[in-house]
Structure formats: C-alpha cells, structure tokens
Amino acid sequence: MLDAPETIDRDSYEPAYAQLVRLLKQQISTGQFRPGDQLPSEAAICSNYGVSPMTVRRAINMLLDQGLITTIKGRGT
C-alpha cells in the first residue's frame, strides 16, 4: 500500500502535480515500487495525498513521459 511520508504543501509555489511527481519518483527510487509493481489506484493516491483525480492523472502522465512507469491496458500502471 502507499505510505505517505510527505504530504502535498498547498502553500508551496510548486504545483500539486509536480509535488506528487516528486513524491512518487522518490518512492520509486527508494524501492518502495520496484519494476513490475503496480502503482496504487488513482482513487488511493487521491485519498492518501488529498488531491484531485486530475492532479493524479497529470502526475502519472509526466512519469509516463519520463519513462519511469508504463501502463498496460486493463492491468494498471
């Protein structure tokens, strides 16, 4: 399950999606998510970080663009 070692800082000048990208990258780099692991659902990420589904989608799309994650239709991210 997704631990939330940090939270999204609403007072930061850094947008919420960018903070979420940074947090997920950190979890990938520390081995919390390894190659082949499935990321938590969009709803779980929304709940854990208190962000909207659009924010999660934008962060996921940025990670996809960077080649850090992949999606498989019908199986998840």
N, C-alpha and C. Protein backbone atom coordinates (compact mmCIF):
# COMPACT_ATOMS: atom_id res chain seq x y z
N MET A 1 0.84 -1.19 0.00
CA MET A 1 0.00 0.00 0.00
C MET A 1 0.87 1.24 0.00
N LEU A 2 0.29 2.34 -0.31
CA LEU A 2 1.01 3.60 -0.45
C LEU A 2 1.16 4.28 0.89
N ASP A 3 2.39 4.43 1.35
CA ASP A 3 2.65 5.23 2.55
C ASP A 3 2.82 6.66 2.09
N ALA A 4 2.38 7.59 2.90
CA ALA A 4 2.51 9.00 2.56
C ALA A 4 3.54 9.64 3.47
N PRO A 5 4.85 9.47 3.15
CA PRO A 5 5.88 10.02 4.01
C PRO A 5 5.87 11.54 4.01
N GLU A 6 5.37 12.10 2.97
CA GLU A 6 5.24 13.55 2.86
C GLU A 6 3.82 13.85 2.39
N THR A 7 3.48 15.09 2.49
CA THR A 7 2.17 15.50 2.01
C THR A 7 2.34 16.59 0.96
N ILE A 8 1.26 16.89 0.31
CA ILE A 8 1.25 17.97 -0.67
C ILE A 8 1.10 19.28 0.10
N ASP A 9 2.02 20.20 -0.13
CA ASP A 9 2.01 21.50 0.54
C ASP A 9 1.21 22.48 -0.29
N ARG A 10 0.03 22.79 0.18
CA ARG A 10 -0.86 23.69 -0.56
C ARG A 10 -0.35 25.13 -0.59
N ASP A 11 0.57 25.49 0.32
CA ASP A 11 1.11 26.85 0.36
C ASP A 11 2.37 27.01 -0.49
N SER A 12 2.82 25.93 -1.09
CA SER A 12 4.04 25.95 -1.89
C SER A 12 3.77 26.59 -3.25
N TYR A 13 4.83 27.17 -3.80
CA TYR A 13 4.73 27.70 -5.16
C TYR A 13 4.80 26.58 -6.19
N GLU A 14 5.30 25.40 -5.76
CA GLU A 14 5.36 24.23 -6.63
C GLU A 14 3.95 23.66 -6.79
N PRO A 15 3.47 23.46 -8.01
CA PRO A 15 2.12 22.93 -8.21
C PRO A 15 1.97 21.54 -7.57
N ALA A 16 0.74 21.22 -7.20
CA ALA A 16 0.46 19.94 -6.53
C ALA A 16 0.88 18.75 -7.39
N TYR A 17 0.65 18.83 -8.72
CA TYR A 17 1.02 17.70 -9.57
C TYR A 17 2.53 17.50 -9.57
N ALA A 18 3.30 18.60 -9.55
CA ALA A 18 4.76 18.49 -9.54
C ALA A 18 5.26 17.91 -8.22
N GLN A 19 4.61 18.29 -7.12
CA GLN A 19 4.96 17.72 -5.82
C GLN A 19 4.67 16.22 -5.82
N LEU A 20 3.54 15.83 -6.40
CA LEU A 20 3.17 14.42 -6.46
C LEU A 20 4.16 13.64 -7.32
N VAL A 21 4.58 14.21 -8.44
CA VAL A 21 5.60 13.57 -9.28
C VAL A 21 6.86 13.34 -8.46
N ARG A 22 7.28 14.35 -7.73
CA ARG A 22 8.50 14.25 -6.92
C ARG A 22 8.35 13.16 -5.86
N LEU A 23 7.20 13.10 -5.19
CA LEU A 23 6.97 12.09 -4.16
C LEU A 23 6.96 10.68 -4.74
N LEU A 24 6.31 10.50 -5.88
CA LEU A 24 6.26 9.18 -6.50
C LEU A 24 7.63 8.76 -7.01
N LYS A 25 8.39 9.71 -7.57
CA LYS A 25 9.75 9.42 -8.03
C LYS A 25 10.61 8.96 -6.85
N GLN A 26 10.44 9.63 -5.72
CA GLN A 26 11.20 9.28 -4.52
C GLN A 26 10.86 7.85 -4.08
N GLN A 27 9.58 7.50 -4.13
CA GLN A 27 9.16 6.15 -3.74
C GLN A 27 9.69 5.11 -4.72
N ILE A 28 9.78 5.46 -5.99
CA ILE A 28 10.35 4.54 -6.98
C ILE A 28 11.84 4.38 -6.73
N SER A 29 12.54 5.48 -6.50
CA SER A 29 14.00 5.42 -6.34
C SER A 29 14.41 4.73 -5.05
N THR A 30 13.58 4.77 -4.02
CA THR A 30 13.92 4.11 -2.76
C THR A 30 13.50 2.65 -2.74
N GLY A 31 12.86 2.19 -3.82
CA GLY A 31 12.50 0.79 -3.90
C GLY A 31 11.14 0.44 -3.34
N GLN A 32 10.38 1.45 -2.94
CA GLN A 32 9.02 1.17 -2.46
C GLN A 32 8.19 0.58 -3.60
N PHE A 33 8.44 1.07 -4.81
CA PHE A 33 7.85 0.49 -6.01
C PHE A 33 8.99 -0.01 -6.87
N ARG A 34 8.97 -1.29 -7.19
CA ARG A 34 10.04 -1.89 -7.99
C ARG A 34 9.52 -2.19 -9.39
N PRO A 35 10.44 -2.46 -10.32
CA PRO A 35 9.99 -2.81 -11.67
C PRO A 35 8.98 -3.97 -11.61
N GLY A 36 7.86 -3.79 -12.28
CA GLY A 36 6.81 -4.80 -12.30
C GLY A 36 5.73 -4.59 -11.26
N ASP A 37 6.01 -3.78 -10.23
CA ASP A 37 4.99 -3.48 -9.22
C ASP A 37 3.92 -2.59 -9.84
N GLN A 38 2.73 -2.73 -9.32
CA GLN A 38 1.63 -1.89 -9.77
C GLN A 38 1.48 -0.73 -8.81
N LEU A 39 1.33 0.46 -9.35
CA LEU A 39 1.09 1.63 -8.51
C LEU A 39 -0.31 1.53 -7.91
N PRO A 40 -0.54 2.19 -6.78
CA PRO A 40 -1.89 2.22 -6.22
C PRO A 40 -2.87 2.85 -7.21
N SER A 41 -4.13 2.59 -7.00
CA SER A 41 -5.15 3.14 -7.89
C SER A 41 -5.18 4.66 -7.79
N GLU A 42 -5.76 5.26 -8.80
CA GLU A 42 -5.93 6.71 -8.81
C GLU A 42 -6.69 7.16 -7.56
N ALA A 43 -7.73 6.42 -7.20
CA ALA A 43 -8.53 6.77 -6.03
C ALA A 43 -7.70 6.69 -4.75
N ALA A 44 -6.82 5.69 -4.65
CA ALA A 44 -5.99 5.54 -3.45
C ALA A 44 -4.99 6.70 -3.35
N ILE A 45 -4.42 7.08 -4.48
CA ILE A 45 -3.48 8.20 -4.47
C ILE A 45 -4.21 9.49 -4.09
N CYS A 46 -5.39 9.68 -4.66
CA CYS A 46 -6.20 10.87 -4.32
C CYS A 46 -6.46 10.93 -2.82
N SER A 47 -6.85 9.80 -2.26
CA SER A 47 -7.17 9.72 -0.84
C SER A 47 -5.94 9.96 0.03
N ASN A 48 -4.83 9.32 -0.31
CA ASN A 48 -3.62 9.43 0.51
C ASN A 48 -3.01 10.82 0.51
N TYR A 49 -3.09 11.50 -0.62
CA TYR A 49 -2.45 12.81 -0.73
C TYR A 49 -3.44 13.97 -0.74
N GLY A 50 -4.72 13.69 -0.73
CA GLY A 50 -5.72 14.76 -0.70
C GLY A 50 -5.71 15.61 -1.96
N VAL A 51 -5.53 14.95 -3.10
CA VAL A 51 -5.51 15.67 -4.38
C VAL A 51 -6.65 15.18 -5.27
N SER A 52 -6.91 15.92 -6.32
CA SER A 52 -7.99 15.56 -7.24
C SER A 52 -7.52 14.49 -8.23
N PRO A 53 -8.47 13.79 -8.85
CA PRO A 53 -8.10 12.82 -9.89
C PRO A 53 -7.33 13.46 -11.04
N MET A 54 -7.64 14.69 -11.38
CA MET A 54 -6.94 15.38 -12.47
C MET A 54 -5.46 15.60 -12.11
N THR A 55 -5.20 15.92 -10.86
CA THR A 55 -3.82 16.09 -10.39
C THR A 55 -3.06 14.78 -10.50
N VAL A 56 -3.70 13.68 -10.11
CA VAL A 56 -3.07 12.36 -10.19
C VAL A 56 -2.79 12.01 -11.66
N ARG A 57 -3.77 12.23 -12.53
CA ARG A 57 -3.58 11.92 -13.95
C ARG A 57 -2.42 12.71 -14.55
N ARG A 58 -2.34 13.98 -14.19
CA ARG A 58 -1.26 14.81 -14.72
C ARG A 58 0.10 14.31 -14.23
N ALA A 59 0.19 13.94 -12.96
CA ALA A 59 1.44 13.41 -12.42
C ALA A 59 1.81 12.08 -13.09
N ILE A 60 0.83 11.21 -13.27
CA ILE A 60 1.07 9.91 -13.91
C ILE A 60 1.54 10.12 -15.35
N ASN A 61 0.90 11.05 -16.06
CA ASN A 61 1.31 11.34 -17.44
C ASN A 61 2.74 11.87 -17.50
N MET A 62 3.13 12.67 -16.54
CA MET A 62 4.51 13.18 -16.52
C MET A 62 5.50 12.03 -16.28
N LEU A 63 5.16 11.11 -15.38
CA LEU A 63 6.03 9.96 -15.12
C LEU A 63 6.10 9.05 -16.35
N LEU A 64 4.99 8.92 -17.06
CA LEU A 64 4.99 8.14 -18.31
C LEU A 64 5.89 8.79 -19.34
N ASP A 65 5.79 10.11 -19.50
CA ASP A 65 6.61 10.85 -20.45
C ASP A 65 8.10 10.73 -20.13
N GLN A 66 8.42 10.61 -18.85
CA GLN A 66 9.81 10.49 -18.41
C GLN A 66 10.31 9.05 -18.50
N GLY A 67 9.41 8.14 -18.82
CA GLY A 67 9.81 6.74 -18.95
C GLY A 67 10.00 6.00 -17.64
N LEU A 68 9.52 6.56 -16.55
CA LEU A 68 9.69 5.93 -15.24
C LEU A 68 8.64 4.86 -14.96
N ILE A 69 7.50 4.97 -15.62
CA ILE A 69 6.43 3.99 -15.44
C ILE A 69 5.83 3.64 -16.80
N THR A 70 5.11 2.55 -16.84
CA THR A 70 4.39 2.16 -18.05
C THR A 70 2.98 1.77 -17.66
N THR A 71 2.09 1.80 -18.63
CA THR A 71 0.72 1.35 -18.38
C THR A 71 0.42 0.19 -19.30
N ILE A 72 -0.41 -0.71 -18.80
CA ILE A 72 -0.90 -1.83 -19.58
C ILE A 72 -2.41 -1.78 -19.52
N LYS A 73 -3.02 -1.65 -20.68
CA LYS A 73 -4.49 -1.52 -20.73
C LYS A 73 -5.16 -2.67 -20.01
N GLY A 74 -6.03 -2.33 -19.10
CA GLY A 74 -6.77 -3.33 -18.34
C GLY A 74 -6.03 -3.88 -17.13
N ARG A 75 -4.77 -3.49 -16.94
CA ARG A 75 -3.99 -4.01 -15.81
C ARG A 75 -3.50 -2.92 -14.88
N GLY A 76 -3.42 -1.70 -15.35
CA GLY A 76 -3.00 -0.60 -14.48
C GLY A 76 -1.64 -0.02 -14.86
N THR A 77 -1.12 0.72 -13.92
CA THR A 77 0.14 1.46 -14.13
C THR A 77 1.24 0.84 -13.29
